[in-house]
N, C-alpha and C. Protein backbone atom coordinates (compact mmCIF):
# COMPACT_ATOMS: atom_id res chain seq x y z
N UNK A 1 19.69 19.86 -8.39
CA UNK A 1 20.66 20.82 -7.91
C UNK A 1 21.42 21.39 -9.11
N UNK A 2 21.62 22.67 -9.07
CA UNK A 2 22.30 23.34 -10.18
C UNK A 2 23.80 23.10 -10.11
N UNK A 3 24.42 22.95 -11.27
CA UNK A 3 25.87 22.76 -11.33
C UNK A 3 26.57 24.10 -11.21
N UNK A 4 27.81 24.07 -10.74
CA UNK A 4 28.57 25.31 -10.69
C UNK A 4 29.12 25.61 -12.09
N UNK A 5 29.31 26.87 -12.36
CA UNK A 5 29.83 27.28 -13.66
C UNK A 5 31.29 26.90 -13.81
N UNK A 6 31.74 26.80 -15.05
CA UNK A 6 33.16 26.56 -15.28
C UNK A 6 33.95 27.77 -14.78
N UNK A 7 35.13 27.50 -14.25
CA UNK A 7 35.88 28.57 -13.60
C UNK A 7 36.57 29.50 -14.60
N UNK A 8 36.50 29.21 -15.87
CA UNK A 8 37.09 30.10 -16.88
C UNK A 8 36.45 31.48 -16.77
N UNK A 9 35.20 31.53 -16.37
CA UNK A 9 34.50 32.81 -16.24
C UNK A 9 35.02 33.65 -15.08
N UNK A 10 35.69 33.04 -14.11
CA UNK A 10 36.12 33.75 -12.90
C UNK A 10 37.63 33.74 -12.69
N UNK A 11 38.41 33.19 -13.61
CA UNK A 11 39.82 32.97 -13.38
C UNK A 11 40.63 34.26 -13.24
N UNK A 12 40.29 35.28 -14.04
CA UNK A 12 41.10 36.50 -14.04
C UNK A 12 40.73 37.41 -12.87
N UNK A 13 41.75 38.13 -12.38
CA UNK A 13 41.54 39.01 -11.24
C UNK A 13 40.72 40.22 -11.65
N UNK A 14 39.74 40.53 -10.85
CA UNK A 14 38.95 41.74 -11.01
C UNK A 14 38.70 42.30 -9.63
N UNK A 15 38.73 43.60 -9.54
CA UNK A 15 38.41 44.22 -8.26
C UNK A 15 36.90 44.30 -8.16
N UNK A 16 36.34 43.45 -7.35
CA UNK A 16 34.88 43.34 -7.25
C UNK A 16 34.37 44.16 -6.08
N UNK A 17 33.15 44.54 -6.19
CA UNK A 17 32.49 45.31 -5.15
C UNK A 17 31.85 44.33 -4.18
N UNK A 18 32.66 43.62 -3.42
CA UNK A 18 32.16 42.52 -2.59
C UNK A 18 32.65 42.63 -1.16
N UNK A 19 32.45 43.75 -0.55
CA UNK A 19 32.91 43.91 0.81
C UNK A 19 32.00 43.14 1.77
N UNK A 20 32.62 42.42 2.68
CA UNK A 20 31.89 41.71 3.72
C UNK A 20 32.48 42.17 5.05
N UNK A 21 31.69 42.82 5.86
CA UNK A 21 32.18 43.40 7.11
C UNK A 21 31.40 42.81 8.28
N UNK A 22 32.00 42.91 9.46
CA UNK A 22 31.28 42.45 10.65
C UNK A 22 30.19 43.44 11.05
N UNK A 23 30.24 44.66 10.51
CA UNK A 23 29.20 45.64 10.74
C UNK A 23 28.19 45.57 9.59
N UNK A 24 26.94 45.32 9.92
CA UNK A 24 25.92 45.05 8.91
C UNK A 24 25.73 46.22 7.94
N UNK A 25 25.87 47.44 8.42
CA UNK A 25 25.66 48.62 7.58
C UNK A 25 26.72 48.72 6.48
N UNK A 26 27.92 48.26 6.77
CA UNK A 26 29.03 48.39 5.82
C UNK A 26 29.15 47.21 4.86
N UNK A 27 28.25 46.25 4.95
CA UNK A 27 28.26 45.11 4.03
C UNK A 27 27.75 45.53 2.66
N UNK A 28 28.45 45.14 1.63
CA UNK A 28 27.95 45.30 0.28
C UNK A 28 27.35 43.98 -0.20
N UNK A 29 27.82 42.88 0.36
CA UNK A 29 27.29 41.56 0.06
C UNK A 29 26.56 41.09 1.31
N UNK A 30 25.34 40.67 1.16
CA UNK A 30 24.53 40.32 2.33
C UNK A 30 24.76 38.89 2.81
N UNK A 31 25.24 38.01 2.00
CA UNK A 31 25.48 36.63 2.41
C UNK A 31 26.86 36.22 1.95
N UNK A 32 27.51 35.38 2.73
CA UNK A 32 28.85 34.92 2.39
C UNK A 32 28.86 33.40 2.38
N UNK A 33 29.25 32.79 1.25
CA UNK A 33 29.31 31.32 1.21
C UNK A 33 30.37 30.78 2.17
N UNK A 34 30.17 29.56 2.63
CA UNK A 34 31.08 28.92 3.57
C UNK A 34 32.32 28.45 2.83
N UNK A 35 33.49 28.61 3.47
CA UNK A 35 34.76 28.16 2.89
C UNK A 35 34.83 26.63 2.97
N UNK A 36 35.17 25.99 1.85
CA UNK A 36 35.21 24.53 1.80
C UNK A 36 36.56 23.96 2.21
N UNK A 37 37.57 24.81 2.41
CA UNK A 37 38.88 24.32 2.84
C UNK A 37 38.78 23.98 4.33
N UNK A 38 39.03 22.71 4.65
CA UNK A 38 38.82 22.23 6.01
C UNK A 38 39.99 22.58 6.93
N UNK A 39 41.21 22.33 6.46
CA UNK A 39 42.40 22.58 7.28
C UNK A 39 43.44 23.30 6.43
N UNK A 40 44.21 24.16 7.06
CA UNK A 40 45.27 24.87 6.36
C UNK A 40 46.66 24.38 6.76
N UNK A 41 46.79 23.72 7.91
CA UNK A 41 48.06 23.17 8.38
C UNK A 41 47.89 21.67 8.60
N UNK A 42 48.80 20.88 8.00
CA UNK A 42 48.75 19.43 8.14
C UNK A 42 50.12 18.92 8.55
N UNK A 43 50.14 17.83 9.29
CA UNK A 43 51.40 17.25 9.73
C UNK A 43 51.83 17.82 11.07
N UNK A 44 53.12 17.68 11.37
CA UNK A 44 53.66 18.15 12.65
C UNK A 44 54.49 19.41 12.42
N UNK A 45 54.12 20.45 13.12
CA UNK A 45 54.81 21.73 12.97
C UNK A 45 55.94 21.79 14.00
N UNK A 46 57.09 21.35 13.56
CA UNK A 46 58.26 21.43 14.44
C UNK A 46 59.35 22.20 13.70
N UNK A 47 60.43 22.50 14.35
CA UNK A 47 61.41 23.42 13.77
C UNK A 47 62.63 22.74 13.15
N UNK A 48 62.73 21.42 13.16
CA UNK A 48 63.97 20.76 12.73
C UNK A 48 63.87 20.05 11.38
N UNK A 49 63.15 20.64 10.44
CA UNK A 49 63.12 20.08 9.08
C UNK A 49 64.30 20.62 8.29
N UNK A 50 64.73 19.84 7.29
CA UNK A 50 65.90 20.21 6.49
C UNK A 50 65.55 21.12 5.32
N UNK A 51 64.41 20.86 4.66
CA UNK A 51 64.09 21.54 3.41
C UNK A 51 62.72 22.19 3.46
N UNK A 52 62.58 23.26 2.69
CA UNK A 52 61.29 23.91 2.49
C UNK A 52 61.00 23.91 0.99
N UNK A 53 59.90 23.27 0.59
CA UNK A 53 59.48 23.25 -0.81
C UNK A 53 58.25 24.13 -0.96
N UNK A 54 58.23 24.95 -2.01
CA UNK A 54 57.11 25.84 -2.26
C UNK A 54 56.56 25.61 -3.65
N UNK A 55 55.24 25.64 -3.78
CA UNK A 55 54.56 25.55 -5.07
C UNK A 55 54.22 26.97 -5.51
N UNK A 56 54.90 27.46 -6.56
CA UNK A 56 54.79 28.85 -6.99
C UNK A 56 54.29 28.90 -8.43
N UNK A 57 53.29 29.76 -8.72
CA UNK A 57 52.79 29.86 -10.10
C UNK A 57 53.82 30.49 -11.03
N UNK A 58 53.84 30.04 -12.28
CA UNK A 58 54.80 30.55 -13.26
C UNK A 58 54.21 31.67 -14.11
N UNK A 59 53.04 32.17 -13.78
CA UNK A 59 52.41 33.19 -14.58
C UNK A 59 52.91 34.59 -14.17
N UNK A 60 52.75 35.54 -15.05
CA UNK A 60 53.19 36.90 -14.77
C UNK A 60 52.05 37.79 -14.31
N UNK A 61 50.81 37.31 -14.37
CA UNK A 61 49.69 38.10 -13.87
C UNK A 61 48.97 37.31 -12.79
N UNK A 62 48.18 38.02 -11.99
CA UNK A 62 47.44 37.37 -10.93
C UNK A 62 46.25 36.59 -11.47
N UNK A 63 45.71 35.71 -10.64
CA UNK A 63 44.56 34.90 -11.03
C UNK A 63 43.83 34.48 -9.76
N UNK A 64 42.71 33.79 -9.94
CA UNK A 64 41.91 33.33 -8.81
C UNK A 64 41.81 31.81 -8.82
N UNK A 65 41.70 31.24 -7.61
CA UNK A 65 41.50 29.81 -7.44
C UNK A 65 40.28 29.62 -6.54
N UNK A 66 39.33 28.85 -6.99
CA UNK A 66 38.11 28.60 -6.21
C UNK A 66 38.43 27.73 -5.00
N UNK A 67 37.65 27.86 -3.95
CA UNK A 67 37.94 27.16 -2.70
C UNK A 67 37.84 25.64 -2.82
N UNK A 68 36.95 25.13 -3.67
CA UNK A 68 36.87 23.67 -3.79
C UNK A 68 38.09 23.11 -4.54
N UNK A 69 38.72 23.90 -5.40
CA UNK A 69 39.96 23.46 -6.05
C UNK A 69 41.12 23.44 -5.05
N UNK A 70 41.16 24.42 -4.16
CA UNK A 70 42.20 24.45 -3.12
C UNK A 70 42.07 23.23 -2.21
N UNK A 71 40.84 22.92 -1.83
CA UNK A 71 40.61 21.77 -0.95
C UNK A 71 40.98 20.46 -1.64
N UNK A 72 40.66 20.33 -2.92
CA UNK A 72 41.01 19.13 -3.66
C UNK A 72 42.52 18.97 -3.77
N UNK A 73 43.24 20.06 -4.04
CA UNK A 73 44.70 20.01 -4.12
C UNK A 73 45.32 19.68 -2.77
N UNK A 74 44.77 20.24 -1.71
CA UNK A 74 45.28 19.96 -0.37
C UNK A 74 45.10 18.49 -0.02
N UNK A 75 43.95 17.93 -0.32
CA UNK A 75 43.72 16.52 -0.02
C UNK A 75 44.65 15.61 -0.81
N UNK A 76 44.88 15.93 -2.08
CA UNK A 76 45.76 15.11 -2.90
C UNK A 76 47.19 15.11 -2.39
N UNK A 77 47.70 16.29 -2.05
CA UNK A 77 49.08 16.39 -1.55
C UNK A 77 49.20 15.74 -0.18
N UNK A 78 48.23 15.97 0.68
CA UNK A 78 48.29 15.43 2.03
C UNK A 78 48.20 13.90 2.02
N UNK A 79 47.43 13.34 1.11
CA UNK A 79 47.29 11.88 1.03
C UNK A 79 48.62 11.22 0.66
N UNK A 80 49.36 11.84 -0.26
CA UNK A 80 50.66 11.28 -0.67
C UNK A 80 51.63 11.32 0.51
N UNK A 81 51.70 12.46 1.19
CA UNK A 81 52.66 12.61 2.29
C UNK A 81 52.28 11.76 3.50
N UNK A 82 51.02 11.80 3.88
CA UNK A 82 50.61 11.07 5.08
C UNK A 82 50.66 9.57 4.88
N UNK A 83 50.41 9.08 3.67
CA UNK A 83 50.47 7.66 3.41
C UNK A 83 51.87 7.09 3.53
N UNK A 84 52.87 7.88 3.17
CA UNK A 84 54.25 7.38 3.21
C UNK A 84 54.98 7.72 4.51
N UNK A 85 54.71 8.90 5.08
CA UNK A 85 55.48 9.38 6.22
C UNK A 85 54.73 9.38 7.55
N UNK A 86 53.42 9.15 7.51
CA UNK A 86 52.64 9.28 8.73
C UNK A 86 52.37 10.76 9.00
N UNK A 87 51.78 11.03 10.15
CA UNK A 87 51.43 12.42 10.46
C UNK A 87 52.59 13.22 11.05
N UNK A 88 53.69 12.58 11.37
CA UNK A 88 54.78 13.27 12.05
C UNK A 88 56.00 13.51 11.18
N UNK A 89 55.99 13.11 9.92
CA UNK A 89 57.19 13.21 9.10
C UNK A 89 57.24 14.41 8.17
N UNK A 90 56.26 15.30 8.23
CA UNK A 90 56.20 16.42 7.30
C UNK A 90 55.35 17.52 7.91
N UNK A 91 55.38 18.69 7.28
CA UNK A 91 54.44 19.77 7.62
C UNK A 91 54.03 20.45 6.32
N UNK A 92 52.75 20.48 6.03
CA UNK A 92 52.21 21.06 4.80
C UNK A 92 51.28 22.21 5.17
N UNK A 93 51.48 23.35 4.54
CA UNK A 93 50.66 24.53 4.84
C UNK A 93 50.08 25.11 3.56
N UNK A 94 48.79 25.44 3.60
CA UNK A 94 48.14 26.18 2.52
C UNK A 94 48.35 27.66 2.78
N UNK A 95 48.96 28.36 1.84
CA UNK A 95 49.36 29.75 2.05
C UNK A 95 48.34 30.77 1.58
N UNK A 96 47.27 30.35 0.93
CA UNK A 96 46.28 31.29 0.43
C UNK A 96 44.95 31.03 1.12
N UNK A 97 44.14 32.07 1.24
CA UNK A 97 42.83 31.94 1.86
C UNK A 97 41.78 32.53 0.92
N UNK A 98 40.68 31.83 0.69
CA UNK A 98 39.65 32.35 -0.21
C UNK A 98 38.78 33.41 0.45
N UNK A 99 39.07 34.67 0.19
CA UNK A 99 38.29 35.80 0.71
C UNK A 99 37.30 36.33 -0.31
N UNK A 100 37.65 36.25 -1.57
CA UNK A 100 36.92 36.94 -2.63
C UNK A 100 35.59 36.24 -2.93
N UNK A 101 34.50 36.99 -2.87
CA UNK A 101 33.18 36.43 -3.09
C UNK A 101 32.84 36.48 -4.57
N UNK A 102 32.50 35.32 -5.13
CA UNK A 102 32.13 35.22 -6.55
C UNK A 102 30.62 35.36 -6.67
N UNK A 103 30.18 36.06 -7.72
CA UNK A 103 28.76 36.27 -7.91
C UNK A 103 28.36 35.83 -9.31
N UNK A 104 27.09 35.49 -9.47
CA UNK A 104 26.58 35.17 -10.79
C UNK A 104 25.18 35.74 -10.95
N UNK A 105 24.85 36.08 -12.18
CA UNK A 105 23.52 36.55 -12.52
C UNK A 105 22.87 35.48 -13.39
N UNK A 106 22.07 34.60 -12.79
CA UNK A 106 21.48 33.53 -13.59
C UNK A 106 20.46 34.10 -14.57
N UNK A 107 20.64 33.79 -15.84
CA UNK A 107 19.73 34.25 -16.87
C UNK A 107 18.76 33.13 -17.21
N UNK A 108 17.51 33.49 -17.42
CA UNK A 108 16.50 32.51 -17.78
C UNK A 108 16.71 32.08 -19.23
N UNK A 109 16.52 30.81 -19.49
CA UNK A 109 16.66 30.29 -20.85
C UNK A 109 15.38 29.58 -21.24
N UNK A 110 15.15 29.51 -22.52
CA UNK A 110 13.96 28.81 -23.02
C UNK A 110 12.97 29.78 -23.64
N UNK A 111 11.81 29.25 -24.00
CA UNK A 111 10.80 30.04 -24.69
C UNK A 111 10.19 31.07 -23.73
N UNK A 112 10.11 32.30 -24.16
CA UNK A 112 9.51 33.36 -23.36
C UNK A 112 10.43 33.96 -22.33
N UNK A 113 11.69 33.53 -22.28
CA UNK A 113 12.62 34.02 -21.27
C UNK A 113 12.98 35.47 -21.49
N UNK A 114 12.91 35.96 -22.72
CA UNK A 114 13.30 37.33 -23.00
C UNK A 114 12.30 38.33 -22.40
N UNK A 115 11.09 37.91 -22.15
CA UNK A 115 10.11 38.84 -21.60
C UNK A 115 10.19 38.94 -20.08
N UNK A 116 10.75 37.93 -19.42
CA UNK A 116 10.78 37.97 -17.96
C UNK A 116 12.17 38.20 -17.39
N UNK A 117 13.18 38.29 -18.21
CA UNK A 117 14.55 38.50 -17.74
C UNK A 117 15.00 39.91 -18.11
N UNK A 118 15.74 40.53 -17.20
CA UNK A 118 16.26 41.87 -17.47
C UNK A 118 17.64 41.82 -18.09
N UNK A 119 18.18 40.65 -18.28
CA UNK A 119 19.51 40.54 -18.89
C UNK A 119 20.60 41.00 -17.94
N UNK A 120 21.60 41.67 -18.48
CA UNK A 120 22.73 42.10 -17.66
C UNK A 120 22.61 43.58 -17.25
N UNK A 121 21.50 44.22 -17.51
CA UNK A 121 21.34 45.62 -17.12
C UNK A 121 21.30 45.73 -15.60
N UNK A 122 22.11 46.60 -15.04
CA UNK A 122 22.19 46.84 -13.59
C UNK A 122 22.44 45.54 -12.83
N UNK A 123 23.32 44.74 -13.32
CA UNK A 123 23.58 43.44 -12.72
C UNK A 123 24.49 43.57 -11.51
N UNK A 124 24.16 42.86 -10.46
CA UNK A 124 25.07 42.71 -9.33
C UNK A 124 25.32 41.24 -9.07
N UNK A 125 24.34 40.41 -9.11
CA UNK A 125 24.52 38.97 -8.96
C UNK A 125 24.40 38.49 -7.52
N UNK A 126 24.13 37.20 -7.38
CA UNK A 126 24.03 36.58 -6.06
C UNK A 126 25.33 35.85 -5.76
N UNK A 127 25.76 35.83 -4.49
CA UNK A 127 26.97 35.08 -4.14
C UNK A 127 26.80 33.60 -4.43
N UNK A 128 27.79 33.02 -5.14
CA UNK A 128 27.70 31.60 -5.48
C UNK A 128 28.94 30.82 -5.06
N UNK A 129 29.92 31.49 -4.50
CA UNK A 129 31.13 30.79 -4.06
C UNK A 129 32.19 31.80 -3.66
N UNK A 130 33.33 31.29 -3.20
CA UNK A 130 34.45 32.16 -2.84
C UNK A 130 35.72 31.65 -3.52
N UNK A 131 36.66 32.56 -3.68
CA UNK A 131 37.92 32.22 -4.34
C UNK A 131 39.06 32.98 -3.68
N UNK A 132 40.26 32.44 -3.82
CA UNK A 132 41.47 33.11 -3.34
C UNK A 132 42.09 33.86 -4.51
N UNK A 133 42.47 35.09 -4.26
CA UNK A 133 43.16 35.87 -5.28
C UNK A 133 44.66 35.69 -5.08
N UNK A 134 45.34 35.23 -6.13
CA UNK A 134 46.76 34.91 -6.06
C UNK A 134 47.53 35.94 -6.87
N UNK A 135 48.49 36.58 -6.25
CA UNK A 135 49.36 37.52 -6.95
C UNK A 135 50.48 36.74 -7.63
N UNK A 136 51.22 37.38 -8.51
CA UNK A 136 52.27 36.67 -9.22
C UNK A 136 53.40 36.28 -8.27
N UNK A 137 53.91 35.09 -8.44
CA UNK A 137 55.00 34.50 -7.65
C UNK A 137 54.64 34.34 -6.16
N UNK A 138 53.38 34.26 -5.83
CA UNK A 138 52.95 34.02 -4.46
C UNK A 138 52.85 32.52 -4.23
N UNK A 139 53.48 31.99 -3.18
CA UNK A 139 53.40 30.54 -2.95
C UNK A 139 51.98 30.09 -2.60
N UNK A 140 51.59 28.94 -3.15
CA UNK A 140 50.27 28.38 -2.89
C UNK A 140 50.35 27.40 -1.72
N UNK A 141 51.29 26.47 -1.79
CA UNK A 141 51.52 25.50 -0.72
C UNK A 141 52.99 25.54 -0.31
N UNK A 142 53.25 25.28 0.97
CA UNK A 142 54.61 25.11 1.48
C UNK A 142 54.69 23.77 2.19
N UNK A 143 55.80 23.08 1.98
CA UNK A 143 56.00 21.76 2.58
C UNK A 143 57.38 21.72 3.23
N UNK A 144 57.41 21.49 4.52
CA UNK A 144 58.67 21.29 5.24
C UNK A 144 58.91 19.79 5.35
N UNK A 145 60.15 19.37 5.04
CA UNK A 145 60.43 17.94 4.98
C UNK A 145 61.92 17.71 5.21
N UNK A 146 62.31 16.47 5.52
CA UNK A 146 63.72 16.12 5.66
C UNK A 146 64.29 15.66 4.32
N UNK A 147 65.61 15.71 4.18
CA UNK A 147 66.26 15.45 2.88
C UNK A 147 65.97 14.09 2.26
N UNK A 148 65.89 12.99 3.00
CA UNK A 148 65.62 11.70 2.33
C UNK A 148 64.26 11.63 1.63
N UNK A 149 63.33 12.52 2.01
CA UNK A 149 61.97 12.46 1.48
C UNK A 149 61.68 13.53 0.44
N UNK A 150 62.72 14.07 -0.19
CA UNK A 150 62.52 15.19 -1.12
C UNK A 150 61.71 14.77 -2.35
N UNK A 151 61.94 13.58 -2.87
CA UNK A 151 61.21 13.14 -4.07
C UNK A 151 59.73 12.93 -3.76
N UNK A 152 59.44 12.46 -2.56
CA UNK A 152 58.05 12.28 -2.16
C UNK A 152 57.34 13.64 -2.04
N UNK A 153 58.01 14.63 -1.49
CA UNK A 153 57.42 15.96 -1.37
C UNK A 153 57.20 16.59 -2.74
N UNK A 154 58.13 16.38 -3.66
CA UNK A 154 57.95 16.89 -5.03
C UNK A 154 56.74 16.25 -5.69
N UNK A 155 56.59 14.94 -5.46
CA UNK A 155 55.45 14.22 -6.03
C UNK A 155 54.13 14.75 -5.46
N UNK A 156 54.12 15.04 -4.16
CA UNK A 156 52.90 15.54 -3.52
C UNK A 156 52.53 16.92 -4.05
N UNK A 157 53.51 17.81 -4.18
CA UNK A 157 53.22 19.16 -4.69
C UNK A 157 52.85 19.12 -6.17
N UNK A 158 53.45 18.20 -6.91
CA UNK A 158 53.09 18.05 -8.32
C UNK A 158 51.64 17.58 -8.45
N UNK A 159 51.23 16.66 -7.58
CA UNK A 159 49.84 16.20 -7.61
C UNK A 159 48.88 17.33 -7.24
N UNK A 160 49.28 18.18 -6.31
CA UNK A 160 48.44 19.34 -5.95
C UNK A 160 48.31 20.30 -7.12
N UNK A 161 49.38 20.45 -7.90
CA UNK A 161 49.34 21.40 -9.02
C UNK A 161 48.40 20.95 -10.13
N UNK A 162 48.12 19.64 -10.22
CA UNK A 162 47.19 19.14 -11.23
C UNK A 162 45.76 19.58 -10.94
N UNK A 163 45.45 19.84 -9.68
CA UNK A 163 44.07 20.11 -9.28
C UNK A 163 43.69 21.59 -9.35
N UNK A 164 44.66 22.47 -9.50
CA UNK A 164 44.38 23.90 -9.51
C UNK A 164 44.81 24.51 -10.84
N UNK A 165 44.16 25.59 -11.27
CA UNK A 165 44.47 26.17 -12.58
C UNK A 165 45.85 26.80 -12.63
N UNK A 166 46.46 26.81 -13.80
CA UNK A 166 47.73 27.45 -14.11
C UNK A 166 48.87 26.44 -14.08
N UNK A 167 50.07 26.92 -14.42
CA UNK A 167 51.28 26.10 -14.40
C UNK A 167 52.12 26.53 -13.21
N UNK A 168 52.81 25.55 -12.61
CA UNK A 168 53.53 25.80 -11.36
C UNK A 168 54.95 25.27 -11.43
N UNK A 169 55.79 25.86 -10.57
CA UNK A 169 57.14 25.37 -10.38
C UNK A 169 57.34 25.10 -8.89
N UNK A 170 58.26 24.21 -8.59
CA UNK A 170 58.55 23.86 -7.20
C UNK A 170 59.93 24.39 -6.86
N UNK A 171 60.00 25.25 -5.86
CA UNK A 171 61.29 25.78 -5.41
C UNK A 171 61.69 25.07 -4.12
N UNK A 172 63.00 24.89 -3.96
CA UNK A 172 63.53 24.18 -2.80
C UNK A 172 64.49 25.10 -2.07
N UNK A 173 64.30 25.25 -0.76
CA UNK A 173 65.21 26.03 0.08
C UNK A 173 65.79 25.11 1.14
N UNK A 174 67.11 25.16 1.29
CA UNK A 174 67.78 24.35 2.29
C UNK A 174 67.79 25.15 3.59
N UNK A 175 67.07 24.69 4.60
CA UNK A 175 66.94 25.44 5.85
C UNK A 175 68.16 25.27 6.76
N UNK A 176 68.85 24.17 6.67
CA UNK A 176 70.02 23.94 7.53
C UNK A 176 71.22 24.77 7.12
N UNK A 177 71.48 24.88 5.80
CA UNK A 177 72.65 25.63 5.34
C UNK A 177 72.42 27.13 5.32
N UNK A 178 71.18 27.58 5.25
CA UNK A 178 70.93 29.02 5.19
C UNK A 178 71.09 29.67 6.56
N UNK A 179 70.99 28.90 7.65
CA UNK A 179 71.14 29.46 8.99
C UNK A 179 72.60 29.62 9.39
N UNK A 180 73.49 28.88 8.76
CA UNK A 180 74.90 28.93 9.14
C UNK A 180 75.63 30.05 8.45
């Protein structure tokens, strides 16, 4: 099985010609890889949490995150929260969705490869994965939690930030005092 390429090649935002439509005639990409993110909402979604924590990128330009990195970050954060609080003590939401189709043009390597490969001339590439395009200061994850568990939520979001590219900051909003 072939390994996936390093994501350095796909990290920067580019407007790609990768339209995928429900109408077959309007498709520019004929196949779409399956999204590896299993769940986007975890925990109990109720309205009486005290704090909202957001994981926000500190970069000034947009970037992309591959779907398997989003799933890995989600699992890491959810494991920390669910292990300590159970399924009813928090609510964690993934705020980005991987729509962008990544393509690659595999080049032949080895002896005689130059005679059978066309190189990058008229390259379009085959779909090899999907990624979420993140704009600057767009939240990646949101976590609703009560005040006694704030350090645990910070630890969970910090662990999620290790799994995805870029540097992140955690913002805290007090939901109880902002309504009054």
